[in-house]
Amino acid sequence: MLNEDGDVIPDVENPIMGPDSLNADLFVRYGKKIFDEKIDWIIQFNARNLYRADGNDDIPVRADADGGISRIRIPNAQEFYLTNTFRF
């Protein structure tokens, strides 16, 4: 909204809201002693960004007074890792 001088006046009665955001990671770990209990073995599975419903959509983070999007955030990729660790 603009006043008579052309200055932008925020419309607090009608805020511009972005989409909801839900982020979650998960990891599962299992460990066991092997080779006559001389070595600790740990296997771990990690999943990042589990709730990424549509990763191709940019996420708006700033809007202009006219409602146009002026800044976006590119969503992080969904990734999976499986690691093994041996301790002697």
N, C-alpha and C. Protein backbone atom coordinates (compact mmCIF):
# COMPACT_ATOMS: atom_id res chain seq x y z
N MET A 1 0.86 -1.16 0.00
CA MET A 1 0.00 0.00 0.00
C MET A 1 0.91 1.24 0.00
N LEU A 2 0.55 2.23 -0.78
CA LEU A 2 1.33 3.47 -0.89
C LEU A 2 0.52 4.64 -0.36
N ASN A 3 1.21 5.57 0.28
CA ASN A 3 0.54 6.81 0.71
C ASN A 3 0.60 7.83 -0.43
N GLU A 4 0.12 9.04 -0.18
CA GLU A 4 0.06 10.06 -1.24
C GLU A 4 1.43 10.50 -1.73
N ASP A 5 2.49 10.29 -0.91
CA ASP A 5 3.85 10.64 -1.33
C ASP A 5 4.54 9.50 -2.08
N GLY A 6 3.88 8.35 -2.20
CA GLY A 6 4.47 7.21 -2.88
C GLY A 6 5.29 6.32 -1.96
N ASP A 7 5.24 6.58 -0.64
CA ASP A 7 5.97 5.75 0.31
C ASP A 7 5.16 4.48 0.61
N VAL A 8 5.89 3.39 0.84
CA VAL A 8 5.24 2.12 1.16
C VAL A 8 4.79 2.13 2.62
N ILE A 9 3.51 1.82 2.84
CA ILE A 9 2.94 1.72 4.17
C ILE A 9 2.58 0.26 4.41
N PRO A 10 3.14 -0.39 5.43
CA PRO A 10 2.81 -1.80 5.68
C PRO A 10 1.33 -1.98 6.01
N ASP A 11 0.73 -3.02 5.45
CA ASP A 11 -0.66 -3.35 5.73
C ASP A 11 -0.67 -4.45 6.79
N VAL A 12 -0.69 -4.07 8.06
CA VAL A 12 -0.60 -5.04 9.16
C VAL A 12 -1.86 -5.87 9.31
N GLU A 13 -2.95 -5.45 8.72
CA GLU A 13 -4.19 -6.22 8.77
C GLU A 13 -4.18 -7.40 7.80
N ASN A 14 -3.35 -7.33 6.76
CA ASN A 14 -3.27 -8.38 5.75
C ASN A 14 -1.82 -8.78 5.51
N PRO A 15 -1.20 -9.49 6.46
CA PRO A 15 0.21 -9.85 6.29
C PRO A 15 0.39 -10.87 5.16
N ILE A 16 1.56 -10.84 4.56
CA ILE A 16 1.92 -11.81 3.53
C ILE A 16 2.65 -12.94 4.23
N MET A 17 2.07 -14.14 4.17
CA MET A 17 2.63 -15.29 4.88
C MET A 17 3.27 -16.25 3.89
N GLY A 18 4.38 -16.84 4.29
CA GLY A 18 5.04 -17.86 3.49
C GLY A 18 4.48 -19.24 3.81
N PRO A 19 4.97 -20.25 3.11
CA PRO A 19 4.47 -21.60 3.35
C PRO A 19 4.99 -22.16 4.67
N ASP A 20 4.28 -23.15 5.21
CA ASP A 20 4.74 -23.85 6.41
C ASP A 20 6.04 -24.58 6.09
N SER A 21 6.86 -24.76 7.10
CA SER A 21 8.12 -25.45 6.90
C SER A 21 8.32 -26.48 8.01
N LEU A 22 8.64 -27.70 7.61
CA LEU A 22 8.90 -28.77 8.56
C LEU A 22 10.18 -29.47 8.12
N ASN A 23 11.16 -29.51 9.00
CA ASN A 23 12.45 -30.13 8.70
C ASN A 23 12.74 -31.21 9.73
N ALA A 24 13.27 -32.33 9.28
CA ALA A 24 13.61 -33.40 10.22
C ALA A 24 14.71 -34.27 9.63
N ASP A 25 15.60 -34.70 10.51
CA ASP A 25 16.65 -35.66 10.18
C ASP A 25 16.44 -36.88 11.07
N LEU A 26 17.05 -37.99 10.68
CA LEU A 26 16.92 -39.24 11.45
C LEU A 26 18.23 -39.99 11.38
N PHE A 27 18.61 -40.63 12.49
CA PHE A 27 19.74 -41.53 12.43
C PHE A 27 19.44 -42.75 13.28
N VAL A 28 19.98 -43.90 12.83
CA VAL A 28 19.86 -45.16 13.55
C VAL A 28 21.27 -45.73 13.66
N ARG A 29 21.65 -46.15 14.87
CA ARG A 29 23.01 -46.63 15.11
C ARG A 29 22.95 -47.99 15.81
N TYR A 30 23.87 -48.87 15.40
CA TYR A 30 23.99 -50.17 16.04
C TYR A 30 25.47 -50.44 16.25
N GLY A 31 25.83 -50.94 17.43
CA GLY A 31 27.21 -51.25 17.72
C GLY A 31 27.36 -52.64 18.32
N LYS A 32 28.52 -53.24 18.08
CA LYS A 32 28.79 -54.60 18.57
C LYS A 32 30.29 -54.81 18.66
N LYS A 33 30.71 -55.59 19.63
CA LYS A 33 32.12 -55.96 19.73
C LYS A 33 32.33 -57.21 18.88
N ILE A 34 33.40 -57.19 18.07
CA ILE A 34 33.69 -58.31 17.18
C ILE A 34 35.14 -58.76 17.35
N PHE A 35 35.48 -59.90 16.76
CA PHE A 35 36.83 -60.48 16.84
C PHE A 35 37.29 -60.61 18.29
N ASP A 36 36.58 -61.47 19.03
CA ASP A 36 36.88 -61.73 20.45
C ASP A 36 36.86 -60.46 21.28
N GLU A 37 35.93 -59.57 20.95
CA GLU A 37 35.72 -58.29 21.66
C GLU A 37 36.95 -57.38 21.63
N LYS A 38 37.77 -57.50 20.58
CA LYS A 38 38.94 -56.64 20.42
C LYS A 38 38.63 -55.38 19.60
N ILE A 39 37.56 -55.44 18.83
CA ILE A 39 37.22 -54.33 17.94
C ILE A 39 35.76 -53.94 18.17
N ASP A 40 35.55 -52.63 18.34
CA ASP A 40 34.18 -52.11 18.41
C ASP A 40 33.74 -51.76 17.00
N TRP A 41 32.61 -52.33 16.58
CA TRP A 41 32.05 -52.05 15.25
C TRP A 41 30.76 -51.27 15.43
N ILE A 42 30.64 -50.15 14.71
CA ILE A 42 29.43 -49.31 14.76
C ILE A 42 29.00 -49.06 13.31
N ILE A 43 27.73 -49.35 13.05
CA ILE A 43 27.14 -49.04 11.76
C ILE A 43 26.04 -48.02 11.99
N GLN A 44 25.98 -46.99 11.15
CA GLN A 44 25.02 -45.90 11.35
C GLN A 44 24.41 -45.50 10.02
N PHE A 45 23.08 -45.31 10.04
CA PHE A 45 22.33 -44.84 8.88
C PHE A 45 21.79 -43.45 9.19
N ASN A 46 22.08 -42.48 8.34
CA ASN A 46 21.59 -41.11 8.50
C ASN A 46 20.70 -40.74 7.32
N ALA A 47 19.60 -40.06 7.61
CA ALA A 47 18.72 -39.53 6.58
C ALA A 47 18.52 -38.05 6.89
N ARG A 48 18.77 -37.21 5.91
CA ARG A 48 18.61 -35.76 6.08
C ARG A 48 17.44 -35.26 5.24
N ASN A 49 16.72 -34.30 5.79
CA ASN A 49 15.59 -33.65 5.12
C ASN A 49 14.51 -34.66 4.73
N LEU A 50 14.03 -35.40 5.72
CA LEU A 50 13.02 -36.43 5.47
C LEU A 50 11.71 -35.87 4.96
N TYR A 51 11.32 -34.69 5.40
CA TYR A 51 10.01 -34.14 5.07
C TYR A 51 10.04 -33.23 3.85
N ARG A 52 10.98 -33.41 3.00
CA ARG A 52 11.07 -32.58 1.80
C ARG A 52 10.06 -33.09 0.79
N ALA A 53 8.89 -32.50 0.79
CA ALA A 53 7.79 -32.99 -0.05
C ALA A 53 8.06 -32.73 -1.53
N ASP A 54 8.46 -31.54 -1.89
CA ASP A 54 8.72 -31.21 -3.29
C ASP A 54 9.97 -30.36 -3.35
N GLY A 55 11.10 -30.99 -3.59
CA GLY A 55 12.38 -30.31 -3.55
C GLY A 55 12.64 -29.39 -4.72
N ASN A 56 11.77 -29.39 -5.74
CA ASN A 56 11.99 -28.52 -6.87
C ASN A 56 11.42 -27.13 -6.68
N ASP A 57 10.59 -26.95 -5.67
CA ASP A 57 9.97 -25.65 -5.42
C ASP A 57 10.89 -24.78 -4.56
N ASP A 58 11.16 -23.57 -5.03
CA ASP A 58 11.92 -22.62 -4.23
C ASP A 58 11.05 -22.15 -3.07
N ILE A 59 11.70 -21.76 -1.97
CA ILE A 59 10.99 -21.35 -0.76
C ILE A 59 11.05 -19.83 -0.66
N PRO A 60 9.91 -19.14 -0.72
CA PRO A 60 9.95 -17.67 -0.60
C PRO A 60 10.28 -17.25 0.82
N VAL A 61 11.19 -16.28 0.96
CA VAL A 61 11.57 -15.80 2.29
C VAL A 61 11.35 -14.30 2.47
N ARG A 62 11.10 -13.58 1.38
CA ARG A 62 10.83 -12.15 1.49
C ARG A 62 9.87 -11.73 0.37
N ALA A 63 8.91 -10.90 0.75
CA ALA A 63 7.94 -10.40 -0.22
C ALA A 63 7.96 -8.88 -0.22
N ASP A 64 7.71 -8.29 -1.38
CA ASP A 64 7.60 -6.84 -1.50
C ASP A 64 6.22 -6.40 -1.00
N ALA A 65 6.04 -5.10 -0.88
CA ALA A 65 4.77 -4.56 -0.39
C ALA A 65 3.61 -4.90 -1.32
N ASP A 66 3.90 -5.09 -2.60
CA ASP A 66 2.83 -5.43 -3.54
C ASP A 66 2.52 -6.92 -3.58
N GLY A 67 3.20 -7.72 -2.75
CA GLY A 67 2.96 -9.16 -2.68
C GLY A 67 3.87 -9.99 -3.55
N GLY A 68 4.70 -9.35 -4.36
CA GLY A 68 5.64 -10.09 -5.20
C GLY A 68 6.80 -10.64 -4.37
N ILE A 69 7.31 -11.78 -4.77
CA ILE A 69 8.42 -12.42 -4.06
C ILE A 69 9.73 -11.77 -4.49
N SER A 70 10.51 -11.30 -3.52
CA SER A 70 11.77 -10.64 -3.84
C SER A 70 13.00 -11.45 -3.44
N ARG A 71 12.82 -12.49 -2.64
CA ARG A 71 13.95 -13.33 -2.24
C ARG A 71 13.46 -14.75 -2.01
N ILE A 72 14.26 -15.72 -2.48
CA ILE A 72 13.90 -17.12 -2.31
C ILE A 72 15.06 -17.87 -1.67
N ARG A 73 14.76 -19.07 -1.18
CA ARG A 73 15.78 -19.98 -0.65
C ARG A 73 15.64 -21.29 -1.41
N ILE A 74 16.74 -21.82 -1.88
CA ILE A 74 16.73 -23.10 -2.56
C ILE A 74 16.76 -24.19 -1.49
N PRO A 75 15.83 -25.13 -1.51
CA PRO A 75 15.77 -26.14 -0.46
C PRO A 75 16.97 -27.09 -0.51
N ASN A 76 17.35 -27.60 0.66
CA ASN A 76 18.44 -28.56 0.74
C ASN A 76 18.01 -29.89 0.14
N ALA A 77 18.98 -30.62 -0.36
CA ALA A 77 18.70 -31.92 -0.97
C ALA A 77 18.41 -32.96 0.11
N GLN A 78 17.61 -33.96 -0.25
CA GLN A 78 17.37 -35.09 0.64
C GLN A 78 18.54 -36.05 0.45
N GLU A 79 19.20 -36.43 1.55
CA GLU A 79 20.41 -37.25 1.47
C GLU A 79 20.34 -38.42 2.43
N PHE A 80 21.01 -39.52 2.06
CA PHE A 80 21.08 -40.71 2.89
C PHE A 80 22.54 -41.16 2.98
N TYR A 81 22.97 -41.56 4.19
CA TYR A 81 24.34 -42.00 4.43
C TYR A 81 24.32 -43.30 5.22
N LEU A 82 25.25 -44.19 4.89
CA LEU A 82 25.47 -45.40 5.67
C LEU A 82 26.96 -45.44 5.97
N THR A 83 27.34 -45.44 7.25
CA THR A 83 28.75 -45.43 7.64
C THR A 83 29.05 -46.60 8.56
N ASN A 84 30.28 -47.08 8.48
CA ASN A 84 30.81 -48.12 9.36
C ASN A 84 32.03 -47.56 10.06
N THR A 85 32.15 -47.83 11.35
CA THR A 85 33.30 -47.37 12.13
C THR A 85 33.86 -48.55 12.91
N PHE A 86 35.18 -48.66 12.90
CA PHE A 86 35.87 -49.71 13.66
C PHE A 86 36.82 -49.03 14.64
N ARG A 87 36.72 -49.40 15.90
CA ARG A 87 37.64 -48.87 16.93
C ARG A 87 38.48 -50.02 17.47
N PHE A 88 39.80 -49.81 17.44
CA PHE A 88 40.73 -50.85 17.89
C PHE A 88 41.19 -50.59 19.30
